[in-house]
Amino acid sequence: MSTYQEFQHALRTTGRYETAAATRPVETLRISPLNSFRYAFTIIGIAVRCAVRHLFRRLDYDVWGRICMRAVTFAEKLGGVMTFEGFEQRAAYDGPVVYVSNHMSTLETFVFPSTLLTFGKIAIVLKKSLAEIPLVGKAALRIGCIPITRKNAREDLKTVLEVGAQRLAEGHSVLLFPQGTRQAVFDGKKFNSLGSKLAERAGVPVVPLAVKTDFLKTGKWIKDFGEVDPNKPIRFACGPVLPATLGARATHDQSIAFIASKLEEWEKDVEVISNG
């Protein structure tokens, strides 16, 4: 397990991070309800620590990233193998961007701050209901998150285009999950073009992100807290920096193509490993 500084240094200088070979499990691990509970408690702990830091006016971007690093290190402690790739493309571009990512589980929501803060401040577009949670919501707003209803498409479009453009002008990158909700199977038809429209309006690039985080499944009763399967590899990939001059339609289509291709590649990798 690496420290926050080591993790970010690896992404910044090599574009990659991998769970150290010496700490990887050598055999199939048992799925344990206790470990699922422990990871759920870890996620809750991250949110609470951010809220407490905000309450005492000690929450900033560095603190946010350091607290969220717990989502990486504890997943590794439970036997999860994490791989990050392609971030040298983001490191080579100096300036704010619009990130668009598929959304598979709660895991990426807590891993992305530590990851993307490597390249500058970020603002995450999230559900308005999350911003209304006492203390936790205030903390999210404090670090520039952008709440949307996910019920009124026209209102959400206006909010993202106006507030998102303001965040970008202030030097923040903006992260969106255009699927709107967690989906185990990626469907490009349900991946809206809001991120590409924002990027075109603000004149900044789009950077697609692909994630495979079914290590943490969606819960049956509480969606955020499901079963942990430590045998599922955790993967994050950064795509090319797509300039706004390509136009919203082109950056949207290329983002979908990148995410779909990475997920297909990873599924093949899993099949090869399982058949070996």
C-alpha atoms as a PDB file:
ATOM      1  CA  MET A   1       0.000   0.000   0.000  1.00  0.00           C
ATOM      2  CA  SER A   2       1.284   3.417  -0.949  1.00  0.00           C
ATOM      3  CA  THR A   3       0.926   6.747   0.791  1.00  0.00           C
ATOM      4  CA  TYR A   4      -1.105   9.565  -0.690  1.00  0.00           C
ATOM      5  CA  GLN A   5       2.080  11.309  -1.839  1.00  0.00           C
ATOM      6  CA  GLU A   6       3.468   8.138  -3.444  1.00  0.00           C
ATOM      7  CA  PHE A   7       0.165   7.422  -5.178  1.00  0.00           C
ATOM      8  CA  GLN A   8      -0.080  10.887  -6.700  1.00  0.00           C
ATOM      9  CA  HIS A   9       3.627  10.953  -7.606  1.00  0.00           C
ATOM     10  CA  ALA A  10       3.215   7.704  -9.552  1.00  0.00           C
ATOM     11  CA  LEU A  11       0.233   9.072 -11.488  1.00  0.00           C
ATOM     12  CA  ARG A  12       1.960  12.369 -12.183  1.00  0.00           C
ATOM     13  CA  THR A  13       5.294  10.934 -13.339  1.00  0.00           C
ATOM     14  CA  THR A  14       4.397   7.582 -14.928  1.00  0.00           C
ATOM     15  CA  GLY A  15       0.639   7.820 -15.476  1.00  0.00           C
ATOM     16  CA  ARG A  16       0.230   4.479 -13.704  1.00  0.00           C
ATOM     17  CA  TYR A  17      -0.307   2.951 -10.293  1.00  0.00           C
ATOM     18  CA  GLU A  18      -0.599  -0.729  -9.418  1.00  0.00           C
ATOM     19  CA  THR A  19      -1.068  -2.543  -6.149  1.00  0.00           C
ATOM     20  CA  ALA A  20       2.365  -3.840  -5.170  1.00  0.00           C
ATOM     21  CA  ALA A  21       2.929  -7.442  -6.248  1.00  0.00           C
ATOM     22  CA  ALA A  22       4.133  -8.399  -2.770  1.00  0.00           C
ATOM     23  CA  THR A  23       0.768  -7.470  -1.236  1.00  0.00           C
ATOM     24  CA  ARG A  24      -1.448  -9.186  -3.806  1.00  0.00           C
ATOM     25  CA  PRO A  25      -3.306 -12.339  -2.732  1.00  0.00           C
ATOM     26  CA  VAL A  26      -1.899 -15.580  -4.150  1.00  0.00           C
ATOM     27  CA  GLU A  27      -5.185 -17.481  -4.019  1.00  0.00           C
ATOM     28  CA  THR A  28      -8.910 -16.862  -4.371  1.00  0.00           C
ATOM     29  CA  LEU A  29     -10.280 -14.977  -1.385  1.00  0.00           C
ATOM     30  CA  ARG A  30     -13.499 -15.765   0.429  1.00  0.00           C
ATOM     31  CA  ILE A  31     -16.324 -13.240   0.139  1.00  0.00           C
ATOM     32  CA  SER A  32     -16.974 -12.167   3.710  1.00  0.00           C
ATOM     33  CA  PRO A  33     -20.011 -10.244   5.005  1.00  0.00           C
ATOM     34  CA  LEU A  34     -17.686  -8.825   7.671  1.00  0.00           C
ATOM     35  CA  ASN A  35     -15.392  -7.325   5.029  1.00  0.00           C
ATOM     36  CA  SER A  36     -18.379  -5.850   3.233  1.00  0.00           C
ATOM     37  CA  PHE A  37     -19.431  -4.209   6.482  1.00  0.00           C
ATOM     38  CA  ARG A  38     -15.885  -2.994   7.147  1.00  0.00           C
ATOM     39  CA  TYR A  39     -15.654  -1.342   3.746  1.00  0.00           C
ATOM     40  CA  ALA A  40     -19.084   0.267   4.136  1.00  0.00           C
ATOM     41  CA  PHE A  41     -17.912   1.613   7.486  1.00  0.00           C
ATOM     42  CA  THR A  42     -14.773   2.950   5.792  1.00  0.00           C
ATOM     43  CA  ILE A  43     -16.846   4.859   3.220  1.00  0.00           C
ATOM     44  CA  ILE A  44     -19.065   6.291   5.947  1.00  0.00           C
ATOM     45  CA  GLY A  45     -15.926   7.229   7.875  1.00  0.00           C
ATOM     46  CA  ILE A  46     -14.563   9.166   4.887  1.00  0.00           C
ATOM     47  CA  ALA A  47     -17.762  11.205   4.631  1.00  0.00           C
ATOM     48  CA  VAL A  48     -17.859  11.845   8.387  1.00  0.00           C
ATOM     49  CA  ARG A  49     -14.204  12.905   8.537  1.00  0.00           C
ATOM     50  CA  CYS A  50     -14.767  15.382   5.710  1.00  0.00           C
ATOM     51  CA  ALA A  51     -17.839  16.751   7.488  1.00  0.00           C
ATOM     52  CA  VAL A  52     -15.976  17.159  10.778  1.00  0.00           C
ATOM     53  CA  ARG A  53     -13.053  18.890   9.062  1.00  0.00           C
ATOM     54  CA  HIS A  54     -15.511  21.267   7.425  1.00  0.00           C
ATOM     55  CA  LEU A  55     -17.208  21.934  10.755  1.00  0.00           C
ATOM     56  CA  PHE A  56     -13.873  23.071  12.177  1.00  0.00           C
ATOM     57  CA  ARG A  57     -13.008  24.947   8.962  1.00  0.00           C
ATOM     58  CA  ARG A  58     -10.122  22.645   8.171  1.00  0.00           C
ATOM     59  CA  LEU A  59     -11.390  21.090   4.955  1.00  0.00           C
ATOM     60  CA  ASP A  60      -9.454  21.956   1.814  1.00  0.00           C
ATOM     61  CA  TYR A  61      -8.551  20.075  -1.364  1.00  0.00           C
ATOM     62  CA  ASP A  62      -5.419  18.490   0.071  1.00  0.00           C
ATOM     63  CA  VAL A  63      -7.281  17.258   3.152  1.00  0.00           C
ATOM     64  CA  TRP A  64     -10.118  15.960   0.970  1.00  0.00           C
ATOM     65  CA  GLY A  65      -7.723  13.951  -1.177  1.00  0.00           C
ATOM     66  CA  ARG A  66      -5.846  12.542   1.805  1.00  0.00           C
ATOM     67  CA  ILE A  67      -9.047  11.428   3.531  1.00  0.00           C
ATOM     68  CA  CYS A  68     -10.395   9.794   0.350  1.00  0.00           C
ATOM     69  CA  MET A  69      -7.112   7.881  -0.088  1.00  0.00           C
ATOM     70  CA  ARG A  70      -8.517   5.564   2.564  1.00  0.00           C
ATOM     71  CA  ALA A  71     -10.859   4.180  -0.130  1.00  0.00           C
ATOM     72  CA  VAL A  72      -7.773   2.974  -2.010  1.00  0.00           C
ATOM     73  CA  THR A  73      -5.667   1.661   0.862  1.00  0.00           C
ATOM     74  CA  PHE A  74      -8.485  -0.192   2.616  1.00  0.00           C
ATOM     75  CA  ALA A  75      -9.613  -1.857  -0.616  1.00  0.00           C
ATOM     76  CA  GLU A  76      -6.043  -3.123  -0.979  1.00  0.00           C
ATOM     77  CA  LYS A  77      -6.037  -4.246   2.646  1.00  0.00           C
ATOM     78  CA  LEU A  78      -9.084  -6.407   1.923  1.00  0.00           C
ATOM     79  CA  GLY A  79      -7.245  -8.060  -0.975  1.00  0.00           C
ATOM     80  CA  GLY A  80      -8.347  -5.803  -3.822  1.00  0.00           C
ATOM     81  CA  VAL A  81      -5.867  -5.310  -6.657  1.00  0.00           C
ATOM     82  CA  MET A  82      -5.998  -1.787  -8.093  1.00  0.00           C
ATOM     83  CA  THR A  83      -4.662  -0.625 -11.455  1.00  0.00           C
ATOM     84  CA  PHE A  84      -4.583   2.925 -12.812  1.00  0.00           C
ATOM     85  CA  GLU A  85      -3.396   3.578 -16.357  1.00  0.00           C
ATOM     86  CA  GLY A  86      -3.228   6.273 -19.017  1.00  0.00           C
ATOM     87  CA  PHE A  87      -2.915   9.248 -16.687  1.00  0.00           C
ATOM     88  CA  GLU A  88       0.262  10.432 -18.408  1.00  0.00           C
ATOM     89  CA  GLN A  89      -2.115  11.925 -21.000  1.00  0.00           C
ATOM     90  CA  ARG A  90      -3.738  14.093 -18.328  1.00  0.00           C
ATOM     91  CA  ALA A  91      -0.376  14.983 -16.788  1.00  0.00           C
ATOM     92  CA  ALA A  92       0.786  16.328 -20.148  1.00  0.00           C
ATOM     93  CA  TYR A  93      -2.068  18.856 -20.304  1.00  0.00           C
ATOM     94  CA  ASP A  94      -1.861  21.921 -18.077  1.00  0.00           C
ATOM     95  CA  GLY A  95      -5.289  23.321 -17.361  1.00  0.00           C
ATOM     96  CA  PRO A  96      -8.842  22.434 -16.313  1.00  0.00           C
ATOM     97  CA  VAL A  97     -10.812  19.783 -18.204  1.00  0.00           C
ATOM     98  CA  VAL A  98     -14.218  18.127 -18.118  1.00  0.00           C
ATOM     99  CA  TYR A  99     -13.959  14.500 -17.001  1.00  0.00           C
ATOM    100  CA  VAL A 100     -16.716  12.095 -18.048  1.00  0.00           C
ATOM    101  CA  SER A 101     -16.821   8.621 -16.499  1.00  0.00           C
ATOM    102  CA  ASN A 102     -18.986   5.541 -16.471  1.00  0.00           C
ATOM    103  CA  HIS A 103     -20.480   4.810 -13.067  1.00  0.00           C
ATOM    104  CA  MET A 104     -20.350   1.246 -11.757  1.00  0.00           C
ATOM    105  CA  SER A 105     -20.342   1.575  -7.951  1.00  0.00           C
ATOM    106  CA  THR A 106     -19.893   3.948  -5.034  1.00  0.00           C
ATOM    107  CA  LEU A 107     -16.201   3.080  -5.016  1.00  0.00           C
ATOM    108  CA  GLU A 108     -15.156   5.464  -7.813  1.00  0.00           C
ATOM    109  CA  THR A 109     -16.950   8.354  -6.120  1.00  0.00           C
ATOM    110  CA  PHE A 110     -14.501   8.089  -3.220  1.00  0.00           C
ATOM    111  CA  VAL A 111     -11.407   7.124  -5.225  1.00  0.00           C
ATOM    112  CA  PHE A 112     -11.624   9.914  -7.803  1.00  0.00           C
ATOM    113  CA  PRO A 113     -10.806  12.817  -5.441  1.00  0.00           C
ATOM    114  CA  SER A 114      -7.403  11.344  -4.497  1.00  0.00           C
ATOM    115  CA  THR A 115      -6.799  10.458  -8.154  1.00  0.00           C
ATOM    116  CA  LEU A 116      -7.896  13.594 -10.000  1.00  0.00           C
ATOM    117  CA  LEU A 117      -6.631  16.126  -7.448  1.00  0.00           C
ATOM    118  CA  THR A 118      -3.207  15.006  -8.659  1.00  0.00           C
ATOM    119  CA  PHE A 119      -3.806  17.290 -11.653  1.00  0.00           C
ATOM    120  CA  GLY A 120      -5.535  20.234  -9.963  1.00  0.00           C
ATOM    121  CA  LYS A 121      -8.732  21.161  -8.184  1.00  0.00           C
ATOM    122  CA  ILE A 122     -11.945  19.373  -9.151  1.00  0.00           C
ATOM    123  CA  ALA A 123     -15.677  19.907  -8.770  1.00  0.00           C
ATOM    124  CA  ILE A 124     -17.909  16.834  -8.875  1.00  0.00           C
ATOM    125  CA  VAL A 125     -21.460  16.971 -10.238  1.00  0.00           C
ATOM    126  CA  LEU A 126     -23.599  15.059  -7.729  1.00  0.00           C
ATOM    127  CA  LYS A 127     -27.191  14.441  -6.726  1.00  0.00           C
ATOM    128  CA  LYS A 128     -28.812  17.350  -4.924  1.00  0.00           C
ATOM    129  CA  SER A 129     -30.082  14.958  -2.246  1.00  0.00           C
ATOM    130  CA  LEU A 130     -26.469  14.257  -1.228  1.00  0.00           C
ATOM    131  CA  ALA A 131     -25.799  17.966  -0.828  1.00  0.00           C
ATOM    132  CA  GLU A 132     -28.769  18.164   1.548  1.00  0.00           C
ATOM    133  CA  ILE A 133     -27.343  15.658   4.054  1.00  0.00           C
ATOM    134  CA  PRO A 134     -26.506  17.556   7.265  1.00  0.00           C
ATOM    135  CA  LEU A 135     -22.790  18.448   7.560  1.00  0.00           C
ATOM    136  CA  VAL A 136     -21.791  16.068   4.754  1.00  0.00           C
ATOM    137  CA  GLY A 137     -23.662  18.160   2.180  1.00  0.00           C
ATOM    138  CA  LYS A 138     -22.129  21.380   3.463  1.00  0.00           C
ATOM    139  CA  ALA A 139     -18.681  19.816   3.166  1.00  0.00           C
ATOM    140  CA  ALA A 140     -19.383  18.798  -0.442  1.00  0.00           C
ATOM    141  CA  LEU A 141     -20.480  22.315  -1.328  1.00  0.00           C
ATOM    142  CA  ARG A 142     -17.460  23.770   0.453  1.00  0.00           C
ATOM    143  CA  ILE A 143     -15.106  21.998  -1.937  1.00  0.00           C
ATOM    144  CA  GLY A 144     -17.017  23.145  -4.998  1.00  0.00           C
ATOM    145  CA  CYS A 145     -19.297  20.210  -5.838  1.00  0.00           C
ATOM    146  CA  ILE A 146     -22.224  20.972  -8.152  1.00  0.00           C
ATOM    147  CA  PRO A 147     -25.623  19.577  -7.056  1.00  0.00           C
ATOM    148  CA  ILE A 148     -28.268  18.647  -9.650  1.00  0.00           C
ATOM    149  CA  THR A 149     -31.765  17.211  -9.224  1.00  0.00           C
ATOM    150  CA  ARG A 150     -31.579  14.340 -11.789  1.00  0.00           C
ATOM    151  CA  LYS A 151     -35.332  14.850 -12.085  1.00  0.00           C
ATOM    152  CA  ASN A 152     -35.562  17.953 -14.254  1.00  0.00           C
ATOM    153  CA  ALA A 153     -33.272  17.595 -17.281  1.00  0.00           C
ATOM    154  CA  ARG A 154     -33.690  21.212 -18.394  1.00  0.00           C
ATOM    155  CA  GLU A 155     -32.906  22.589 -14.955  1.00  0.00           C
ATOM    156  CA  ASP A 156     -29.894  20.272 -14.598  1.00  0.00           C
ATOM    157  CA  LEU A 157     -28.565  21.319 -18.000  1.00  0.00           C
ATOM    158  CA  LYS A 158     -28.801  24.982 -17.024  1.00  0.00           C
ATOM    159  CA  THR A 159     -27.091  24.351 -13.677  1.00  0.00           C
ATOM    160  CA  VAL A 160     -24.208  22.375 -15.133  1.00  0.00           C
ATOM    161  CA  LEU A 161     -23.615  24.777 -18.024  1.00  0.00           C
ATOM    162  CA  GLU A 162     -23.691  27.859 -15.805  1.00  0.00           C
ATOM    163  CA  VAL A 163     -22.091  26.665 -12.574  1.00  0.00           C
ATOM    164  CA  GLY A 164     -19.780  24.229 -14.344  1.00  0.00           C
ATOM    165  CA  ALA A 165     -18.491  26.979 -16.644  1.00  0.00           C
ATOM    166  CA  GLN A 166     -17.887  29.151 -13.582  1.00  0.00           C
ATOM    167  CA  ARG A 167     -15.904  26.386 -11.844  1.00  0.00           C
ATOM    168  CA  LEU A 168     -13.823  25.835 -14.990  1.00  0.00           C
ATOM    169  CA  ALA A 169     -13.115  29.570 -15.259  1.00  0.00           C
ATOM    170  CA  GLU A 170     -11.909  29.464 -11.651  1.00  0.00           C
ATOM    171  CA  GLY A 171      -9.438  26.716 -12.536  1.00  0.00           C
ATOM    172  CA  HIS A 172     -11.380  23.660 -11.384  1.00  0.00           C
ATOM    173  CA  SER A 173     -11.820  20.606 -13.548  1.00  0.00           C
ATOM    174  CA  VAL A 174     -15.375  19.215 -13.511  1.00  0.00           C
ATOM    175  CA  LEU A 175     -16.242  15.517 -13.121  1.00  0.00           C
ATOM    176  CA  LEU A 176     -19.563  14.149 -14.401  1.00  0.00           C
ATOM    177  CA  PHE A 177     -21.148  10.689 -14.432  1.00  0.00           C
ATOM    178  CA  PRO A 178     -23.331  11.017 -17.559  1.00  0.00           C
ATOM    179  CA  GLN A 179     -25.085   7.692 -16.909  1.00  0.00           C
ATOM    180  CA  GLY A 180     -26.822   9.393 -14.003  1.00  0.00           C
ATOM    181  CA  THR A 181     -26.886   6.259 -11.864  1.00  0.00           C
ATOM    182  CA  ARG A 182     -24.753   3.182 -11.228  1.00  0.00           C
ATOM    183  CA  GLN A 183     -24.913   0.546 -13.938  1.00  0.00           C
ATOM    184  CA  ALA A 184     -23.068  -2.773 -13.960  1.00  0.00           C
ATOM    185  CA  VAL A 185     -23.274  -2.921 -17.771  1.00  0.00           C
ATOM    186  CA  PHE A 186     -22.207   0.086 -19.813  1.00  0.00           C
ATOM    187  CA  ASP A 187     -24.767   1.328 -22.344  1.00  0.00           C
ATOM    188  CA  GLY A 188     -23.505   4.192 -24.482  1.00  0.00           C
ATOM    189  CA  LYS A 189     -27.079   5.160 -25.357  1.00  0.00           C
ATOM    190  CA  LYS A 190     -27.657   6.080 -21.704  1.00  0.00           C
ATOM    191  CA  PHE A 191     -24.458   8.150 -21.521  1.00  0.00           C
ATOM    192  CA  ASN A 192     -25.696  11.724 -21.981  1.00  0.00           C
ATOM    193  CA  SER A 193     -23.703  14.461 -23.714  1.00  0.00           C
ATOM    194  CA  LEU A 194     -23.860  17.021 -20.902  1.00  0.00           C
ATOM    195  CA  GLY A 195     -20.122  16.871 -20.233  1.00  0.00           C
ATOM    196  CA  SER A 196     -19.230  17.468 -23.872  1.00  0.00           C
ATOM    197  CA  LYS A 197     -21.687  20.360 -24.093  1.00  0.00           C
ATOM    198  CA  LEU A 198     -20.149  21.956 -21.014  1.00  0.00           C
ATOM    199  CA  ALA A 199     -16.639  21.516 -22.396  1.00  0.00           C
ATOM    200  CA  GLU A 200     -17.599  23.036 -25.757  1.00  0.00           C
ATOM    201  CA  ARG A 201     -19.234  26.006 -24.069  1.00  0.00           C
ATOM    202  CA  ALA A 202     -16.265  26.621 -21.759  1.00  0.00           C
ATOM    203  CA  GLY A 203     -13.642  25.921 -24.436  1.00  0.00           C
ATOM    204  CA  VAL A 204     -11.846  23.194 -22.460  1.00  0.00           C
ATOM    205  CA  PRO A 205     -11.004  19.574 -23.357  1.00  0.00           C
ATOM    206  CA  VAL A 206     -12.996  16.477 -22.481  1.00  0.00           C
ATOM    207  CA  VAL A 207     -11.149  13.591 -20.811  1.00  0.00           C
ATOM    208  CA  PRO A 208     -12.998  10.246 -20.690  1.00  0.00           C
ATOM    209  CA  LEU A 209     -12.439   7.936 -17.731  1.00  0.00           C
ATOM    210  CA  ALA A 210     -13.234   4.225 -17.669  1.00  0.00           C
ATOM    211  CA  VAL A 211     -13.763   2.380 -14.406  1.00  0.00           C
ATOM    212  CA  LYS A 212     -14.356  -1.226 -13.436  1.00  0.00           C
ATOM    213  CA  THR A 213     -15.321  -1.239  -9.779  1.00  0.00           C
ATOM    214  CA  ASP A 214     -17.587  -4.255  -9.311  1.00  0.00           C
ATOM    215  CA  PHE A 215     -15.261  -5.116  -6.409  1.00  0.00           C
ATOM    216  CA  LEU A 216     -18.001  -3.223  -4.547  1.00  0.00           C
ATOM    217  CA  LYS A 217     -21.453  -4.267  -5.681  1.00  0.00           C
ATOM    218  CA  THR A 218     -24.605  -2.179  -5.445  1.00  0.00           C
ATOM    219  CA  GLY A 219     -26.500  -2.991  -2.258  1.00  0.00           C
ATOM    220  CA  LYS A 220     -29.934  -4.624  -2.272  1.00  0.00           C
ATOM    221  CA  TRP A 221     -31.390  -2.366   0.408  1.00  0.00           C
ATOM    222  CA  ILE A 222     -28.923   0.520   0.521  1.00  0.00           C
ATOM    223  CA  LYS A 223     -27.379   1.035  -2.911  1.00  0.00           C
ATOM    224  CA  ASP A 224     -24.186   2.613  -1.585  1.00  0.00           C
ATOM    225  CA  PHE A 225     -23.270  -0.390   0.539  1.00  0.00           C
ATOM    226  CA  GLY A 226     -23.141  -3.768  -1.134  1.00  0.00           C
ATOM    227  CA  GLU A 227     -21.086  -6.944  -1.091  1.00  0.00           C
ATOM    228  CA  VAL A 228     -17.313  -6.717  -1.468  1.00  0.00           C
ATOM    229  CA  ASP A 229     -15.706  -9.289  -3.765  1.00  0.00           C
ATOM    230  CA  PRO A 230     -11.911  -8.953  -3.286  1.00  0.00           C
ATOM    231  CA  ASN A 231     -11.282 -11.235  -6.280  1.00  0.00           C
ATOM    232  CA  LYS A 232     -12.627  -8.607  -8.678  1.00  0.00           C
ATOM    233  CA  PRO A 233      -9.808  -6.398 -10.022  1.00  0.00           C
ATOM    234  CA  ILE A 234     -10.341  -2.648  -9.591  1.00  0.00           C
ATOM    235  CA  ARG A 235      -9.404  -0.699 -12.710  1.00  0.00           C
ATOM    236  CA  PHE A 236      -9.244   2.964 -13.652  1.00  0.00           C
ATOM    237  CA  ALA A 237      -8.139   4.226 -17.068  1.00  0.00           C
ATOM    238  CA  CYS A 238      -7.696   7.769 -18.341  1.00  0.00           C
ATOM    239  CA  GLY A 239      -8.417   8.414 -21.998  1.00  0.00           C
ATOM    240  CA  PRO A 240      -7.057  11.000 -24.412  1.00  0.00           C
ATOM    241  CA  VAL A 241      -7.417  14.743 -23.912  1.00  0.00           C
ATOM    242  CA  LEU A 242     -10.076  15.615 -26.505  1.00  0.00           C
ATOM    243  CA  PRO A 243      -9.937  19.305 -27.513  1.00  0.00           C
ATOM    244  CA  ALA A 244     -13.133  21.356 -27.482  1.00  0.00           C
ATOM    245  CA  THR A 245     -12.494  22.318 -31.113  1.00  0.00           C
ATOM    246  CA  LEU A 246     -13.613  18.830 -32.135  1.00  0.00           C
ATOM    247  CA  GLY A 247     -17.157  19.800 -31.172  1.00  0.00           C
ATOM    248  CA  ALA A 248     -19.497  18.308 -28.577  1.00  0.00           C
ATOM    249  CA  ARG A 249     -20.749  15.488 -30.790  1.00  0.00           C
ATOM    250  CA  ALA A 250     -17.235  14.227 -31.618  1.00  0.00           C
ATOM    251  CA  THR A 251     -15.922  14.409 -28.037  1.00  0.00           C
ATOM    252  CA  HIS A 252     -19.059  12.651 -26.811  1.00  0.00           C
ATOM    253  CA  ASP A 253     -18.788   9.835 -29.365  1.00  0.00           C
ATOM    254  CA  GLN A 254     -15.057   9.380 -28.761  1.00  0.00           C
ATOM    255  CA  SER A 255     -15.596   9.284 -24.986  1.00  0.00           C
ATOM    256  CA  ILE A 256     -18.177   6.513 -25.339  1.00  0.00           C
ATOM    257  CA  ALA A 257     -15.881   4.590 -27.691  1.00  0.00           C
ATOM    258  CA  PHE A 258     -12.956   4.812 -25.257  1.00  0.00           C
ATOM    259  CA  ILE A 259     -14.957   3.661 -22.235  1.00  0.00           C
ATOM    260  CA  ALA A 260     -16.595   0.804 -24.145  1.00  0.00           C
ATOM    261  CA  SER A 261     -13.258  -0.404 -25.529  1.00  0.00           C
ATOM    262  CA  LYS A 262     -11.580  -0.414 -22.115  1.00  0.00           C
ATOM    263  CA  LEU A 263     -14.426  -2.326 -20.483  1.00  0.00           C
ATOM    264  CA  GLU A 264     -14.336  -4.879 -23.293  1.00  0.00           C
ATOM    265  CA  GLU A 265     -10.547  -5.207 -22.931  1.00  0.00           C
ATOM    266  CA  TRP A 266     -10.813  -5.709 -19.179  1.00  0.00           C
ATOM    267  CA  GLU A 267     -13.491  -8.361 -19.522  1.00  0.00           C
ATOM    268  CA  LYS A 268     -11.234 -10.284 -21.902  1.00  0.00           C
ATOM    269  CA  ASP A 269      -8.362  -9.956 -19.436  1.00  0.00           C
ATOM    270  CA  VAL A 270     -10.534 -11.449 -16.698  1.00  0.00           C
ATOM    271  CA  GLU A 271     -11.500 -14.351 -18.949  1.00  0.00           C
ATOM    272  CA  VAL A 272      -7.866 -15.065 -19.764  1.00  0.00           C
ATOM    273  CA  ILE A 273      -6.929 -15.062 -16.093  1.00  0.00           C
ATOM    274  CA  SER A 274      -9.843 -17.286 -15.092  1.00  0.00           C
ATOM    275  CA  ASN A 275      -9.060 -19.807 -17.830  1.00  0.00           C
ATOM    276  CA  GLY A 276      -5.326 -19.904 -17.082  1.00  0.00           C
END
